[in-house]
Every structure is written in C-alpha cells, then in structure tokens.
C-alpha cells in the first residue's frame, strides 16, 4: 500500500514539474515576443518574468533527480551488459547484484552528502526557528531572482538520491526473489505490436476470402 502511494507520488511530482515548467517557458517566450511588438510592448514590459528561467532550472533539476529514481524502478537506464550476456546465468546474477548494490551505495552516499549540505545551507536555521529553539546559526543564502532559501532548492539532492537508493534496493530484492532484472526495450513502442497484429489478421481474412471466391 505504502509502496503504491510512493509510486503515485513519484509519478505525479514528475508530471507536475514537466507541466508547470512547460507552461512557464511558454509564458516567458510569449512575453519576450510581445515585448518587441510596438503596440503592446509598453504593457508587456511592465510584467516581470525574469524569475522564469531560474524557476525552470530548479524544476528541471528536481525532475531529473526524481526521474532518475523512476528510471531505476522501470529499468529504463542505459547500461552496458555485454559482459553479463557473455557469462553463464548462475554467474551473471552475481554481477547484476553487484551493480545494483553499487548503485544503492553510490546514491546513499550522494544522499548523505546532500543532506549535510542542505543542513549547513540553512535547513538547520529553519528547523530551529520552526521549533522555537534559540540559535545563532546563519539563516542561509537565498536565490537571486525568486529569493527562496537555497536549502529548499538543494533538498532535491538528498530526497531524490535516497529515493533512488530505495529503488535500487527494491529492484535488487525483486531480482533475488524472481531472478529477473528490470530491463526496458528502448526500441519498443507501445501499441505497435497490437496494430501490426490487427493488420496481419485483416490481411489473413482478406486472403482467405479471396481464396474462397477462387
């Protein structure tokens, strides 16, 4: 149940970030175009959208971190599996497990380093301030255009990395139980096989009908 909720939250967050980033970029491009139109440029220049580029940059970074975790869950990351295919199945599984555990170790290290960076970048002040604990630690820097606390922006590093670590361990556990590792076919297009099968059945029926007439 919890895993299903986490899956939906992951998908909804990625979809939300993609949608909002696309909308913001569209608005910024239209604004730049209208700023050069003599009739309405005075009105367009009154609108400040200088924050759009910074916001989109942050959203794409968040999208990349959580999209990487999504990729691990669905096996869509590109990997070099030449050696794995050459080895016998009983030996290849140990190499696959080594790769999965290495991915989990790497992402956990990045998540821990990122958590430390976020803590020192102002999260400690925000936490103490929210709990009413007096402290003399600095508040932390803010972003140039949006003027949001940078620890909020950088929190995607520990959150996304720990989620990715969890996905590696999840895939590893599935592989241990079933012996099957997730691997996406990058040449596969959903629906193509169904269309080809439908066309083939229609042609077979037509050929059969022509044979009966003959």
N, C-alpha and C. Protein backbone atom coordinates (compact mmCIF):
# COMPACT_ATOMS: atom_id res chain seq x y z
N UNK A 1 0.83 -1.20 0.00
CA UNK A 1 0.00 0.00 0.00
C UNK A 1 0.87 1.26 0.00
N UNK A 2 1.83 1.29 0.94
CA UNK A 2 2.72 2.45 1.01
C UNK A 2 3.57 2.57 -0.24
N UNK A 3 3.99 1.43 -0.76
CA UNK A 3 4.80 1.45 -1.98
C UNK A 3 3.99 2.00 -3.16
N UNK A 4 2.71 1.63 -3.21
CA UNK A 4 1.85 2.13 -4.27
C UNK A 4 1.66 3.64 -4.16
N UNK A 5 1.49 4.13 -2.93
CA UNK A 5 1.36 5.58 -2.72
C UNK A 5 2.63 6.29 -3.15
N UNK A 6 3.78 5.72 -2.79
CA UNK A 6 5.07 6.32 -3.18
C UNK A 6 5.22 6.35 -4.69
N UNK A 7 4.80 5.28 -5.35
CA UNK A 7 4.86 5.23 -6.81
C UNK A 7 4.02 6.35 -7.43
N UNK A 8 2.79 6.53 -6.92
CA UNK A 8 1.92 7.58 -7.45
C UNK A 8 2.47 8.97 -7.17
N UNK A 9 2.99 9.18 -5.97
CA UNK A 9 3.58 10.49 -5.65
C UNK A 9 4.75 10.81 -6.57
N UNK A 10 5.56 9.82 -6.83
CA UNK A 10 6.71 9.99 -7.72
C UNK A 10 6.25 10.38 -9.13
N UNK A 11 5.25 9.68 -9.64
CA UNK A 11 4.74 9.95 -10.98
C UNK A 11 4.05 11.30 -11.05
N UNK A 12 3.25 11.62 -10.02
CA UNK A 12 2.54 12.90 -10.01
C UNK A 12 3.52 14.07 -9.91
N UNK A 13 4.56 13.93 -9.11
CA UNK A 13 5.54 15.00 -8.97
C UNK A 13 6.25 15.27 -10.29
N UNK A 14 6.67 14.21 -10.97
CA UNK A 14 7.35 14.37 -12.26
C UNK A 14 6.43 15.00 -13.29
N UNK A 15 5.17 14.53 -13.34
CA UNK A 15 4.21 15.09 -14.29
C UNK A 15 3.92 16.55 -13.98
N UNK A 16 3.79 16.88 -12.70
CA UNK A 16 3.54 18.27 -12.30
C UNK A 16 4.70 19.18 -12.70
N UNK A 17 5.92 18.73 -12.44
CA UNK A 17 7.10 19.54 -12.77
C UNK A 17 7.21 19.76 -14.28
N UNK A 18 6.96 18.70 -15.05
CA UNK A 18 7.03 18.84 -16.51
C UNK A 18 5.97 19.81 -17.00
N UNK A 19 4.75 19.67 -16.50
CA UNK A 19 3.66 20.54 -16.94
C UNK A 19 3.89 21.99 -16.59
N UNK A 20 4.28 22.26 -15.35
CA UNK A 20 4.49 23.65 -14.91
C UNK A 20 5.67 24.27 -15.62
N UNK A 21 6.76 23.51 -15.78
CA UNK A 21 7.94 24.04 -16.47
C UNK A 21 7.61 24.39 -17.92
N UNK A 22 6.85 23.53 -18.58
CA UNK A 22 6.45 23.81 -19.97
C UNK A 22 5.60 25.06 -20.05
N UNK A 23 4.67 25.21 -19.11
CA UNK A 23 3.79 26.40 -19.10
C UNK A 23 4.59 27.67 -18.84
N UNK A 24 5.51 27.62 -17.89
CA UNK A 24 6.31 28.81 -17.56
C UNK A 24 7.18 29.20 -18.74
N UNK A 25 7.80 28.22 -19.40
CA UNK A 25 8.64 28.52 -20.57
C UNK A 25 7.80 29.13 -21.68
N UNK A 26 6.60 28.61 -21.89
CA UNK A 26 5.70 29.16 -22.92
C UNK A 26 5.35 30.61 -22.62
N UNK A 27 5.01 30.90 -21.37
CA UNK A 27 4.67 32.27 -20.97
C UNK A 27 5.87 33.20 -21.17
N UNK A 28 7.07 32.74 -20.80
CA UNK A 28 8.27 33.56 -20.94
C UNK A 28 8.58 33.85 -22.40
N UNK A 29 8.40 32.86 -23.28
CA UNK A 29 8.66 33.06 -24.70
C UNK A 29 7.65 34.03 -25.30
N UNK A 30 6.39 33.86 -24.96
CA UNK A 30 5.35 34.78 -25.46
C UNK A 30 5.60 36.19 -24.96
N UNK A 31 6.01 36.32 -23.70
CA UNK A 31 6.30 37.64 -23.15
C UNK A 31 7.46 38.30 -23.89
N UNK A 32 8.49 37.52 -24.19
CA UNK A 32 9.63 38.08 -24.92
C UNK A 32 9.22 38.53 -26.32
N UNK A 33 8.34 37.75 -26.95
CA UNK A 33 7.86 38.12 -28.28
C UNK A 33 7.01 39.40 -28.23
N UNK A 34 6.11 39.47 -27.26
CA UNK A 34 5.23 40.64 -27.16
C UNK A 34 6.00 41.90 -26.76
N UNK A 35 7.14 41.71 -26.10
CA UNK A 35 7.94 42.87 -25.71
C UNK A 35 8.53 43.59 -26.91
N UNK A 36 8.53 42.94 -28.07
CA UNK A 36 9.04 43.57 -29.28
C UNK A 36 7.96 44.10 -30.20
N UNK A 37 6.70 43.93 -29.81
CA UNK A 37 5.59 44.43 -30.62
C UNK A 37 5.30 45.86 -30.20
N UNK A 38 5.40 46.84 -31.12
CA UNK A 38 5.26 48.25 -30.75
C UNK A 38 3.96 48.60 -30.05
N UNK A 39 2.88 47.97 -30.42
CA UNK A 39 1.58 48.36 -29.88
C UNK A 39 1.44 48.01 -28.41
N UNK A 40 1.94 46.83 -28.03
CA UNK A 40 1.70 46.35 -26.67
C UNK A 40 2.99 46.16 -25.86
N UNK A 41 4.10 46.62 -26.40
CA UNK A 41 5.35 46.37 -25.68
C UNK A 41 5.42 47.13 -24.35
N UNK A 42 4.77 48.29 -24.29
CA UNK A 42 4.78 49.03 -23.02
C UNK A 42 4.07 48.26 -21.91
N UNK A 43 2.98 47.59 -22.27
CA UNK A 43 2.26 46.79 -21.28
C UNK A 43 3.03 45.50 -20.94
N UNK A 44 3.65 44.90 -21.96
CA UNK A 44 4.38 43.65 -21.74
C UNK A 44 5.60 43.86 -20.86
N UNK A 45 6.27 45.00 -21.04
CA UNK A 45 7.48 45.25 -20.26
C UNK A 45 7.19 45.52 -18.80
N UNK A 46 5.94 45.84 -18.49
CA UNK A 46 5.58 46.05 -17.09
C UNK A 46 5.52 44.73 -16.32
N UNK A 47 5.38 43.62 -17.04
CA UNK A 47 5.33 42.30 -16.41
C UNK A 47 6.75 41.77 -16.22
N UNK A 48 7.10 41.47 -15.01
CA UNK A 48 8.45 40.96 -14.70
C UNK A 48 8.43 39.44 -14.68
N UNK A 49 9.05 38.85 -15.67
CA UNK A 49 9.16 37.38 -15.73
C UNK A 49 10.62 36.95 -15.70
N UNK A 50 11.44 37.77 -15.09
CA UNK A 50 12.87 37.44 -15.01
C UNK A 50 13.11 36.20 -14.15
N UNK A 51 12.13 35.84 -13.33
CA UNK A 51 12.25 34.68 -12.46
C UNK A 51 12.00 33.37 -13.19
N UNK A 52 11.48 33.45 -14.42
CA UNK A 52 11.05 32.24 -15.13
C UNK A 52 12.22 31.28 -15.38
N UNK A 53 13.34 31.82 -15.81
CA UNK A 53 14.48 30.96 -16.12
C UNK A 53 14.99 30.25 -14.88
N UNK A 54 15.08 30.96 -13.79
CA UNK A 54 15.55 30.35 -12.55
C UNK A 54 14.58 29.28 -12.06
N UNK A 55 13.29 29.57 -12.13
CA UNK A 55 12.29 28.59 -11.68
C UNK A 55 12.34 27.33 -12.53
N UNK A 56 12.44 27.48 -13.84
CA UNK A 56 12.50 26.33 -14.73
C UNK A 56 13.77 25.51 -14.50
N UNK A 57 14.87 26.19 -14.23
CA UNK A 57 16.12 25.48 -13.95
C UNK A 57 15.96 24.60 -12.71
N UNK A 58 15.40 25.16 -11.66
CA UNK A 58 15.19 24.39 -10.44
C UNK A 58 14.23 23.22 -10.67
N UNK A 59 13.16 23.46 -11.42
CA UNK A 59 12.19 22.39 -11.66
C UNK A 59 12.78 21.27 -12.50
N UNK A 60 13.63 21.61 -13.47
CA UNK A 60 14.26 20.58 -14.28
C UNK A 60 15.25 19.76 -13.45
N UNK A 61 15.92 20.40 -12.50
CA UNK A 61 16.83 19.66 -11.62
C UNK A 61 16.04 18.68 -10.75
N UNK A 62 14.94 19.15 -10.17
CA UNK A 62 14.08 18.26 -9.38
C UNK A 62 13.53 17.13 -10.25
N UNK A 63 13.14 17.48 -11.46
CA UNK A 63 12.60 16.49 -12.38
C UNK A 63 13.65 15.42 -12.69
N UNK A 64 14.89 15.85 -12.88
CA UNK A 64 15.96 14.91 -13.21
C UNK A 64 16.24 13.95 -12.05
N UNK A 65 16.24 14.48 -10.82
CA UNK A 65 16.54 13.63 -9.66
C UNK A 65 15.45 12.58 -9.44
N UNK A 66 14.19 13.00 -9.49
CA UNK A 66 13.12 12.04 -9.27
C UNK A 66 12.86 11.20 -10.52
N UNK A 67 13.17 11.74 -11.69
CA UNK A 67 13.07 10.96 -12.91
C UNK A 67 14.09 9.84 -12.94
N UNK A 68 15.26 10.07 -12.34
CA UNK A 68 16.28 9.02 -12.26
C UNK A 68 15.79 7.86 -11.40
N UNK A 69 15.12 8.19 -10.28
CA UNK A 69 14.56 7.14 -9.44
C UNK A 69 13.46 6.38 -10.17
N UNK A 70 12.66 7.10 -10.93
CA UNK A 70 11.61 6.47 -11.74
C UNK A 70 12.23 5.53 -12.78
N UNK A 71 13.36 5.95 -13.34
CA UNK A 71 14.04 5.13 -14.32
C UNK A 71 14.58 3.84 -13.73
N UNK A 72 15.06 3.90 -12.49
CA UNK A 72 15.53 2.68 -11.83
C UNK A 72 14.37 1.72 -11.60
N UNK A 73 13.23 2.26 -11.21
CA UNK A 73 12.06 1.41 -10.94
C UNK A 73 11.58 0.68 -12.18
N UNK A 74 11.70 1.33 -13.35
CA UNK A 74 11.20 0.73 -14.58
C UNK A 74 12.31 0.15 -15.45
N UNK A 75 13.57 0.24 -15.00
CA UNK A 75 14.67 -0.34 -15.75
C UNK A 75 14.96 0.36 -17.06
N UNK A 76 14.77 1.68 -17.10
CA UNK A 76 14.97 2.43 -18.35
C UNK A 76 16.34 3.07 -18.45
N UNK A 77 17.19 2.92 -17.43
CA UNK A 77 18.53 3.48 -17.52
C UNK A 77 19.38 2.66 -18.50
N UNK A 78 20.16 3.36 -19.28
CA UNK A 78 21.02 2.70 -20.25
C UNK A 78 22.19 2.04 -19.51
N UNK A 79 22.44 0.77 -19.81
CA UNK A 79 23.53 0.06 -19.17
C UNK A 79 24.31 -0.78 -20.16
N UNK A 80 25.58 -1.00 -19.87
CA UNK A 80 26.43 -1.84 -20.71
C UNK A 80 26.39 -3.26 -20.14
N UNK A 81 25.72 -4.16 -20.86
CA UNK A 81 25.52 -5.51 -20.36
C UNK A 81 26.19 -6.57 -21.23
N UNK A 82 27.26 -6.17 -21.92
CA UNK A 82 27.96 -7.12 -22.79
C UNK A 82 28.53 -8.28 -21.98
N UNK A 83 29.20 -7.96 -20.87
CA UNK A 83 29.81 -8.99 -20.04
C UNK A 83 28.74 -9.88 -19.39
N UNK A 84 27.64 -9.26 -18.97
CA UNK A 84 26.56 -10.02 -18.34
C UNK A 84 25.99 -11.05 -19.30
N UNK A 85 25.83 -10.67 -20.56
CA UNK A 85 25.28 -11.59 -21.56
C UNK A 85 26.26 -12.72 -21.91
N UNK A 86 27.55 -12.46 -21.76
CA UNK A 86 28.55 -13.48 -22.07
C UNK A 86 28.68 -14.53 -20.97
N UNK A 87 28.39 -14.15 -19.74
CA UNK A 87 28.56 -15.06 -18.61
C UNK A 87 27.40 -16.04 -18.51
N UNK A 88 27.64 -17.19 -17.90
CA UNK A 88 26.54 -18.12 -17.60
C UNK A 88 25.54 -17.46 -16.65
N UNK A 89 24.33 -17.95 -16.65
CA UNK A 89 23.26 -17.31 -15.88
C UNK A 89 23.55 -17.32 -14.39
N UNK A 90 24.14 -18.42 -13.88
CA UNK A 90 24.40 -18.51 -12.44
C UNK A 90 25.50 -17.56 -11.99
N UNK A 91 26.40 -17.20 -12.92
CA UNK A 91 27.47 -16.25 -12.58
C UNK A 91 27.06 -14.81 -12.90
N UNK A 92 26.22 -14.66 -13.91
CA UNK A 92 25.78 -13.31 -14.30
C UNK A 92 24.96 -12.66 -13.19
N UNK A 93 24.22 -13.47 -12.43
CA UNK A 93 23.37 -12.90 -11.38
C UNK A 93 24.19 -12.18 -10.31
N UNK A 94 25.42 -12.71 -10.03
CA UNK A 94 26.26 -12.04 -9.04
C UNK A 94 26.76 -10.70 -9.53
N UNK A 95 27.02 -10.61 -10.82
CA UNK A 95 27.45 -9.35 -11.40
C UNK A 95 26.30 -8.34 -11.40
N UNK A 96 25.08 -8.82 -11.67
CA UNK A 96 23.91 -7.94 -11.62
C UNK A 96 23.67 -7.44 -10.20
N UNK A 97 23.79 -8.33 -9.22
CA UNK A 97 23.61 -7.93 -7.82
C UNK A 97 24.68 -6.92 -7.41
N UNK A 98 25.91 -7.13 -7.88
CA UNK A 98 26.99 -6.19 -7.58
C UNK A 98 26.66 -4.81 -8.14
N UNK A 99 26.15 -4.78 -9.36
CA UNK A 99 25.79 -3.50 -9.97
C UNK A 99 24.67 -2.80 -9.23
N UNK A 100 23.67 -3.56 -8.82
CA UNK A 100 22.54 -2.96 -8.09
C UNK A 100 22.97 -2.45 -6.72
N UNK A 101 23.77 -3.25 -6.00
CA UNK A 101 24.24 -2.81 -4.68
C UNK A 101 25.19 -1.61 -4.81
N UNK A 102 25.97 -1.57 -5.89
CA UNK A 102 26.85 -0.42 -6.11
C UNK A 102 26.03 0.84 -6.35
N UNK A 103 24.96 0.69 -7.13
CA UNK A 103 24.08 1.84 -7.35
C UNK A 103 23.44 2.31 -6.07
N UNK A 104 23.01 1.37 -5.22
CA UNK A 104 22.41 1.74 -3.94
C UNK A 104 23.43 2.43 -3.03
N UNK A 105 24.67 1.91 -3.02
CA UNK A 105 25.71 2.51 -2.20
C UNK A 105 26.04 3.91 -2.68
N UNK A 106 26.20 4.07 -3.98
CA UNK A 106 26.55 5.38 -4.54
C UNK A 106 25.48 6.42 -4.23
N UNK A 107 24.22 6.07 -4.47
CA UNK A 107 23.13 7.03 -4.25
C UNK A 107 22.95 7.33 -2.77
N UNK A 108 23.21 6.36 -1.90
CA UNK A 108 23.11 6.63 -0.46
C UNK A 108 24.21 7.60 -0.02
N UNK A 109 25.40 7.46 -0.59
CA UNK A 109 26.50 8.39 -0.26
C UNK A 109 26.16 9.80 -0.76
N UNK A 110 25.66 9.90 -2.00
CA UNK A 110 25.28 11.21 -2.53
C UNK A 110 24.16 11.82 -1.70
N UNK A 111 23.19 10.98 -1.30
CA UNK A 111 22.09 11.49 -0.48
C UNK A 111 22.57 11.99 0.87
N UNK A 112 23.51 11.28 1.49
CA UNK A 112 24.04 11.69 2.78
C UNK A 112 24.84 12.98 2.67
N UNK A 113 25.68 13.07 1.64
CA UNK A 113 26.43 14.31 1.42
C UNK A 113 25.49 15.47 1.12
N UNK A 114 24.46 15.19 0.32
CA UNK A 114 23.48 16.24 0.00
C UNK A 114 22.71 16.68 1.22
N UNK A 115 22.37 15.74 2.12
CA UNK A 115 21.66 16.09 3.34
C UNK A 115 22.51 16.99 4.23
N UNK A 116 23.81 16.67 4.31
CA UNK A 116 24.71 17.52 5.08
C UNK A 116 24.83 18.92 4.49
N UNK A 117 24.87 18.99 3.17
CA UNK A 117 24.96 20.29 2.51
C UNK A 117 23.70 21.11 2.75
N UNK A 118 22.52 20.46 2.64
CA UNK A 118 21.26 21.16 2.88
C UNK A 118 21.17 21.64 4.32
N UNK A 119 21.64 20.80 5.25
CA UNK A 119 21.61 21.18 6.66
C UNK A 119 22.45 22.42 6.91
N UNK A 120 23.64 22.45 6.35
CA UNK A 120 24.53 23.58 6.57
C UNK A 120 24.11 24.81 5.75
N UNK A 121 23.25 24.61 4.76
CA UNK A 121 22.87 25.71 3.87
C UNK A 121 21.67 26.49 4.37
N UNK A 122 21.17 26.15 5.52
CA UNK A 122 20.07 26.92 6.08
C UNK A 122 18.94 26.10 6.66
N UNK A 123 18.94 24.78 6.42
CA UNK A 123 17.86 23.97 6.96
C UNK A 123 17.93 23.91 8.48
N UNK A 124 19.14 23.92 9.04
CA UNK A 124 19.27 23.88 10.49
C UNK A 124 18.63 25.12 11.11
N UNK A 125 18.82 26.28 10.48
CA UNK A 125 18.19 27.51 11.00
C UNK A 125 16.67 27.43 10.89
N UNK A 126 16.17 26.96 9.74
CA UNK A 126 14.73 26.85 9.55
C UNK A 126 14.11 25.90 10.56
N UNK A 127 14.78 24.77 10.85
CA UNK A 127 14.26 23.80 11.80
C UNK A 127 14.24 24.37 13.21
N UNK A 128 15.35 24.99 13.63
CA UNK A 128 15.41 25.58 14.97
C UNK A 128 14.38 26.69 15.12
N UNK A 129 14.23 27.49 14.07
CA UNK A 129 13.28 28.60 14.11
C UNK A 129 11.84 28.08 14.20
N UNK A 130 11.54 26.99 13.46
CA UNK A 130 10.19 26.43 13.49
C UNK A 130 9.88 25.82 14.85
N UNK A 131 10.89 25.25 15.52
CA UNK A 131 10.69 24.64 16.83
C UNK A 131 10.81 25.63 17.97
N UNK A 132 11.15 26.88 17.64
CA UNK A 132 11.28 27.90 18.67
C UNK A 132 12.53 27.77 19.49
N UNK A 133 13.55 27.13 18.94
CA UNK A 133 14.81 26.95 19.65
C UNK A 133 15.73 28.12 19.31
N UNK A 134 16.19 28.87 20.29
CA UNK A 134 17.10 30.00 20.01
C UNK A 134 18.44 29.49 19.46
N UNK A 135 18.92 30.13 18.44
CA UNK A 135 20.18 29.72 17.81
C UNK A 135 20.85 30.93 17.18
N UNK A 136 22.15 30.84 17.05
CA UNK A 136 22.90 31.91 16.41
C UNK A 136 23.47 31.49 15.06
N UNK A 137 22.97 30.37 14.53
CA UNK A 137 23.44 29.92 13.22
C UNK A 137 22.87 30.84 12.15
N UNK A 138 23.58 31.01 11.03
CA UNK A 138 23.09 31.90 9.97
C UNK A 138 21.84 31.35 9.30
N UNK A 139 21.04 32.26 8.76
CA UNK A 139 19.79 31.87 8.11
C UNK A 139 20.03 31.15 6.80
N UNK A 140 21.11 31.42 6.13
CA UNK A 140 21.41 30.76 4.87
C UNK A 140 21.09 31.66 3.68
N UNK A 141 21.71 31.39 2.54
CA UNK A 141 21.52 32.23 1.36
C UNK A 141 20.16 32.01 0.70
N UNK A 142 19.82 32.95 -0.17
CA UNK A 142 18.60 32.86 -0.97
C UNK A 142 18.96 32.97 -2.45
N UNK A 143 18.05 32.52 -3.30
CA UNK A 143 18.31 32.55 -4.74
C UNK A 143 18.20 33.98 -5.27
N UNK A 144 18.86 34.30 -6.37
CA UNK A 144 18.91 35.68 -6.87
C UNK A 144 17.56 36.26 -7.28
N UNK A 145 16.78 35.52 -8.05
CA UNK A 145 15.53 36.05 -8.61
C UNK A 145 14.31 35.72 -7.77
N UNK A 146 14.13 34.46 -7.44
CA UNK A 146 12.96 34.06 -6.66
C UNK A 146 13.10 34.40 -5.19
N UNK A 147 14.33 34.53 -4.73
CA UNK A 147 14.63 34.85 -3.33
C UNK A 147 14.05 33.80 -2.37
N UNK A 148 14.14 32.54 -2.80
CA UNK A 148 13.76 31.44 -1.91
C UNK A 148 15.02 30.90 -1.26
N UNK A 149 14.86 30.30 -0.11
CA UNK A 149 16.02 29.74 0.58
C UNK A 149 16.61 28.60 -0.26
N UNK A 150 17.90 28.65 -0.47
CA UNK A 150 18.54 27.68 -1.36
C UNK A 150 18.49 26.26 -0.80
N UNK A 151 18.34 26.11 0.52
CA UNK A 151 18.26 24.75 1.07
C UNK A 151 17.00 24.05 0.57
N UNK A 152 15.95 24.81 0.26
CA UNK A 152 14.74 24.21 -0.29
C UNK A 152 15.02 23.67 -1.69
N UNK A 153 15.75 24.44 -2.48
CA UNK A 153 16.08 24.03 -3.84
C UNK A 153 17.00 22.81 -3.82
N UNK A 154 18.02 22.86 -2.98
CA UNK A 154 19.01 21.79 -2.95
C UNK A 154 18.51 20.52 -2.25
N UNK A 155 17.36 20.59 -1.60
CA UNK A 155 16.84 19.40 -0.92
C UNK A 155 16.47 18.29 -1.88
N UNK A 156 16.39 18.61 -3.18
CA UNK A 156 16.12 17.56 -4.16
C UNK A 156 17.26 16.55 -4.22
N UNK A 157 18.46 16.97 -3.83
CA UNK A 157 19.61 16.05 -3.90
C UNK A 157 19.46 14.91 -2.89
N UNK A 158 19.27 15.19 -1.59
CA UNK A 158 19.08 14.05 -0.68
C UNK A 158 17.78 13.30 -0.92
N UNK A 159 16.69 14.02 -1.20
CA UNK A 159 15.40 13.35 -1.39
C UNK A 159 15.43 12.43 -2.62
N UNK A 160 15.90 12.97 -3.73
CA UNK A 160 15.96 12.18 -4.95
C UNK A 160 16.97 11.05 -4.87
N UNK A 161 18.09 11.29 -4.22
CA UNK A 161 19.13 10.26 -4.12
C UNK A 161 18.69 9.12 -3.20
N UNK A 162 18.07 9.46 -2.07
CA UNK A 162 17.60 8.40 -1.17
C UNK A 162 16.47 7.61 -1.82
N UNK A 163 15.61 8.28 -2.58
CA UNK A 163 14.56 7.56 -3.29
C UNK A 163 15.17 6.63 -4.34
N UNK A 164 16.19 7.10 -5.01
CA UNK A 164 16.86 6.27 -6.00
C UNK A 164 17.54 5.08 -5.33
N UNK A 165 18.12 5.29 -4.16
CA UNK A 165 18.73 4.19 -3.40
C UNK A 165 17.67 3.15 -3.03
N UNK A 166 16.51 3.63 -2.60
CA UNK A 166 15.42 2.72 -2.27
C UNK A 166 14.99 1.92 -3.48
N UNK A 167 14.94 2.57 -4.66
CA UNK A 167 14.54 1.86 -5.87
C UNK A 167 15.58 0.80 -6.26
N UNK A 168 16.85 1.11 -6.08
CA UNK A 168 17.88 0.10 -6.35
C UNK A 168 17.70 -1.12 -5.45
N UNK A 169 17.46 -0.89 -4.17
CA UNK A 169 17.26 -2.00 -3.25
C UNK A 169 15.97 -2.75 -3.57
N UNK A 170 14.96 -2.03 -4.01
CA UNK A 170 13.70 -2.65 -4.39
C UNK A 170 13.89 -3.58 -5.59
N UNK A 171 14.59 -3.09 -6.60
CA UNK A 171 14.87 -3.89 -7.78
C UNK A 171 15.75 -5.08 -7.42
N UNK A 172 16.70 -4.86 -6.52
CA UNK A 172 17.59 -5.94 -6.09
C UNK A 172 16.80 -7.04 -5.39
N UNK A 173 15.88 -6.65 -4.52
CA UNK A 173 15.07 -7.64 -3.81
C UNK A 173 14.19 -8.43 -4.79
N UNK A 174 13.63 -7.73 -5.78
CA UNK A 174 12.83 -8.41 -6.79
C UNK A 174 13.67 -9.40 -7.59
N UNK A 175 14.90 -9.00 -7.90
CA UNK A 175 15.80 -9.89 -8.65
C UNK A 175 16.17 -11.11 -7.83
N UNK A 176 16.40 -10.93 -6.53
CA UNK A 176 16.75 -12.06 -5.67
C UNK A 176 15.58 -13.05 -5.59
N UNK A 177 14.36 -12.54 -5.53
CA UNK A 177 13.19 -13.41 -5.40
C UNK A 177 12.80 -14.08 -6.70
N UNK A 178 12.88 -13.34 -7.81
CA UNK A 178 12.37 -13.86 -9.09
C UNK A 178 13.47 -14.24 -10.07
N UNK A 179 14.68 -13.69 -9.88
CA UNK A 179 15.75 -13.95 -10.84
C UNK A 179 15.65 -13.13 -12.10
N UNK A 180 14.74 -12.16 -12.13
CA UNK A 180 14.55 -11.32 -13.31
C UNK A 180 14.86 -9.86 -12.96
N UNK A 181 15.73 -9.25 -13.76
CA UNK A 181 16.08 -7.85 -13.58
C UNK A 181 15.28 -7.01 -14.57
N UNK A 182 14.83 -5.86 -14.08
CA UNK A 182 14.05 -4.98 -14.96
C UNK A 182 14.93 -4.47 -16.08
N UNK A 183 14.44 -4.57 -17.28
CA UNK A 183 15.19 -4.10 -18.44
C UNK A 183 14.20 -3.64 -19.49
N UNK A 184 14.23 -2.37 -19.82
CA UNK A 184 13.29 -1.83 -20.80
C UNK A 184 13.85 -1.99 -22.21
N UNK A 185 12.97 -2.32 -23.13
CA UNK A 185 13.34 -2.40 -24.54
C UNK A 185 13.19 -1.01 -25.14
N UNK A 186 14.33 -0.35 -25.39
CA UNK A 186 14.29 1.03 -25.87
C UNK A 186 13.78 1.14 -27.30
N UNK A 187 13.71 0.02 -28.00
CA UNK A 187 13.17 0.04 -29.36
C UNK A 187 11.69 -0.27 -29.40
N UNK A 188 11.13 -0.53 -28.22
CA UNK A 188 9.70 -0.90 -28.16
C UNK A 188 8.84 0.35 -28.13
N UNK A 189 7.81 0.35 -28.93
CA UNK A 189 6.82 1.43 -28.93
C UNK A 189 5.47 0.81 -28.60
N UNK A 190 4.87 1.27 -27.50
CA UNK A 190 3.63 0.67 -27.04
C UNK A 190 2.52 0.84 -28.07
N UNK A 191 1.85 -0.25 -28.38
CA UNK A 191 0.74 -0.21 -29.32
C UNK A 191 1.10 -0.66 -30.72
N UNK A 192 2.41 -0.67 -31.05
CA UNK A 192 2.83 -1.03 -32.40
C UNK A 192 2.52 -2.50 -32.67
N UNK A 193 2.84 -3.38 -31.70
CA UNK A 193 2.60 -4.79 -31.90
C UNK A 193 1.12 -5.08 -32.11
N UNK A 194 0.28 -4.38 -31.34
CA UNK A 194 -1.16 -4.58 -31.47
C UNK A 194 -1.65 -4.17 -32.86
N UNK A 195 -1.13 -3.04 -33.36
CA UNK A 195 -1.53 -2.57 -34.69
C UNK A 195 -1.07 -3.54 -35.77
N UNK A 196 0.17 -4.02 -35.63
CA UNK A 196 0.70 -4.96 -36.62
C UNK A 196 -0.10 -6.26 -36.62
N UNK A 197 -0.45 -6.74 -35.41
CA UNK A 197 -1.24 -7.96 -35.31
C UNK A 197 -2.62 -7.78 -35.92
N UNK A 198 -3.21 -6.59 -35.68
CA UNK A 198 -4.54 -6.33 -36.23
C UNK A 198 -4.50 -6.27 -37.76
N UNK A 199 -3.48 -5.60 -38.31
CA UNK A 199 -3.34 -5.53 -39.76
C UNK A 199 -3.11 -6.91 -40.35
N UNK A 200 -2.27 -7.71 -39.67
CA UNK A 200 -2.00 -9.06 -40.15
C UNK A 200 -3.24 -9.93 -40.17
N UNK A 201 -4.08 -9.82 -39.15
CA UNK A 201 -5.31 -10.61 -39.11
C UNK A 201 -6.28 -10.20 -40.20
N UNK A 202 -6.33 -8.86 -40.48
CA UNK A 202 -7.20 -8.37 -41.55
C UNK A 202 -6.74 -8.91 -42.90
N UNK A 203 -5.41 -8.87 -43.14
CA UNK A 203 -4.87 -9.37 -44.41
C UNK A 203 -5.13 -10.86 -44.55
N UNK A 204 -4.98 -11.60 -43.44
CA UNK A 204 -5.24 -13.04 -43.49
C UNK A 204 -6.70 -13.33 -43.82
N UNK A 205 -7.59 -12.54 -43.24
CA UNK A 205 -9.01 -12.73 -43.54
C UNK A 205 -9.32 -12.41 -44.99
N UNK A 206 -8.70 -11.33 -45.51
CA UNK A 206 -8.93 -10.95 -46.90
C UNK A 206 -8.40 -12.01 -47.86
N UNK A 207 -7.21 -12.55 -47.54
CA UNK A 207 -6.65 -13.59 -48.39
C UNK A 207 -7.50 -14.85 -48.36
N UNK A 208 -8.03 -15.17 -47.20
CA UNK A 208 -8.90 -16.35 -47.08
C UNK A 208 -10.18 -16.16 -47.90
N UNK A 209 -10.71 -14.92 -47.86
CA UNK A 209 -11.94 -14.63 -48.60
C UNK A 209 -11.67 -14.73 -50.11
N UNK A 210 -10.50 -14.23 -50.54
CA UNK A 210 -10.17 -14.33 -51.96
C UNK A 210 -9.98 -15.76 -52.38
N UNK A 211 -9.41 -16.59 -51.49
CA UNK A 211 -9.24 -17.99 -51.82
C UNK A 211 -10.57 -18.72 -51.96
N UNK A 212 -11.53 -18.35 -51.11
CA UNK A 212 -12.85 -18.98 -51.20
C UNK A 212 -13.55 -18.60 -52.50
N UNK A 213 -13.37 -17.34 -52.92
CA UNK A 213 -14.00 -16.89 -54.16
C UNK A 213 -13.40 -17.61 -55.38
N UNK A 214 -12.08 -17.83 -55.29
CA UNK A 214 -11.42 -18.50 -56.40
C UNK A 214 -11.88 -19.96 -56.47
